[in-house]
Amino acid sequence: MHTDEEIKRKAFEQLEKRTAVELEDVNEIDFEVYFENPDGETERYTVFFERGFVDGKEGWVIRHIIRPDELQKPENKEDGKIE
């Protein structure tokens, strides 16, 4: 697994590729960040940003990072049961 700093760096790189016009009316945005692990498999992280204030300046703040190792498998449902 990758560190928060590695994930944040890649996510901010994607955010910086967006123009001010594209982000003008956006208050929340998310990006998928990909890394290749030593086994050659791709690890995907989802990073959620929101527009906020940092040190008194408006900017983008990371609200949440979803990691593949933290995802839970859905429970088995009983046949015919609606949940």
Protein backbone atom coordinates (compact mmCIF):
# COMPACT_ATOMS: atom_id res chain seq x y z
CA MET A 1 0.00 0.00 0.00
CA HIS A 2 1.06 3.56 -0.59
CA THR A 3 1.41 6.39 1.90
CA ASP A 4 -1.04 9.25 2.17
CA GLU A 5 1.65 11.61 0.89
CA GLU A 6 2.19 9.57 -2.31
CA ILE A 7 -1.55 9.40 -2.93
CA LYS A 8 -2.07 13.11 -2.21
CA ARG A 9 0.79 14.09 -4.52
CA LYS A 10 -0.71 12.18 -7.45
CA ALA A 11 -4.20 13.51 -6.72
CA PHE A 12 -2.99 17.12 -6.60
CA GLU A 13 -1.18 16.55 -9.91
CA GLN A 14 -4.51 15.60 -11.47
CA LEU A 15 -6.25 18.57 -9.87
CA GLU A 16 -3.60 20.94 -11.23
CA LYS A 17 -4.31 19.71 -14.77
CA ARG A 18 -7.79 21.25 -14.51
CA THR A 19 -8.24 24.85 -15.59
CA ALA A 20 -9.68 27.56 -13.38
CA VAL A 21 -12.67 27.71 -15.75
CA GLU A 22 -13.34 23.97 -15.29
CA LEU A 23 -13.23 24.34 -11.50
CA GLU A 24 -15.02 27.69 -11.30
CA ASP A 25 -18.41 26.40 -10.13
CA VAL A 26 -17.15 23.17 -8.53
CA ASN A 27 -17.02 22.82 -4.75
CA GLU A 28 -16.32 19.08 -4.61
CA ILE A 29 -14.41 16.81 -6.96
CA ASP A 30 -12.86 13.35 -6.86
CA PHE A 31 -10.05 11.64 -8.73
CA GLU A 32 -8.92 8.06 -9.08
CA VAL A 33 -5.20 7.58 -8.50
CA TYR A 34 -3.40 4.49 -9.79
CA PHE A 35 -0.16 2.82 -8.70
CA GLU A 36 1.42 -0.40 -9.88
CA ASN A 37 2.47 -2.66 -7.03
CA PRO A 38 5.58 -4.91 -7.11
CA ASP A 39 3.45 -7.83 -8.36
CA GLY A 40 2.47 -5.80 -11.44
CA GLU A 41 -1.11 -5.33 -10.24
CA THR A 42 -2.79 -1.92 -10.30
CA GLU A 43 -3.88 -0.40 -7.00
CA ARG A 44 -6.63 2.21 -7.23
CA TYR A 45 -7.34 4.92 -4.70
CA THR A 46 -10.15 7.46 -4.82
CA VAL A 47 -9.41 10.92 -3.43
CA PHE A 48 -12.22 13.35 -2.60
CA PHE A 49 -11.47 17.09 -2.55
CA GLU A 50 -13.60 19.97 -1.37
CA ARG A 51 -13.06 23.68 -1.73
CA GLY A 52 -12.20 25.15 1.63
CA PHE A 53 -9.93 27.49 3.52
CA VAL A 54 -6.35 26.64 4.46
CA ASP A 55 -4.32 29.18 6.42
CA GLY A 56 -6.90 31.83 5.62
CA LYS A 57 -6.75 31.23 1.85
CA GLU A 58 -9.31 29.49 -0.29
CA GLY A 59 -8.05 26.29 -1.88
CA TRP A 60 -8.63 22.58 -2.28
CA VAL A 61 -8.59 20.30 0.75
CA ILE A 62 -8.58 16.51 0.70
CA ARG A 63 -11.68 15.31 2.50
CA HIS A 64 -11.21 11.55 2.18
CA ILE A 65 -9.05 8.86 0.61
CA ILE A 66 -10.61 5.50 -0.15
CA ARG A 67 -8.06 2.70 -0.06
CA PRO A 68 -8.62 -0.72 -1.63
CA ASP A 69 -7.54 -2.51 1.57
CA GLU A 70 -10.24 -0.70 3.56
CA LEU A 71 -13.15 -1.71 1.34
CA GLN A 72 -15.54 -4.19 2.84
CA LYS A 73 -17.06 -7.06 0.96
CA PRO A 74 -20.86 -7.00 0.91
CA GLU A 75 -22.62 -9.50 3.13
CA ASN A 76 -24.47 -12.37 1.53
CA LYS A 77 -28.19 -11.66 1.24
CA GLU A 78 -30.87 -14.23 1.75
CA ASP A 79 -32.63 -15.18 -1.49
CA GLY A 80 -35.72 -13.08 -2.07
CA LYS A 81 -34.88 -10.66 0.74
CA ILE A 82 -34.73 -6.95 -0.01
CA GLU A 83 -32.41 -4.85 2.13
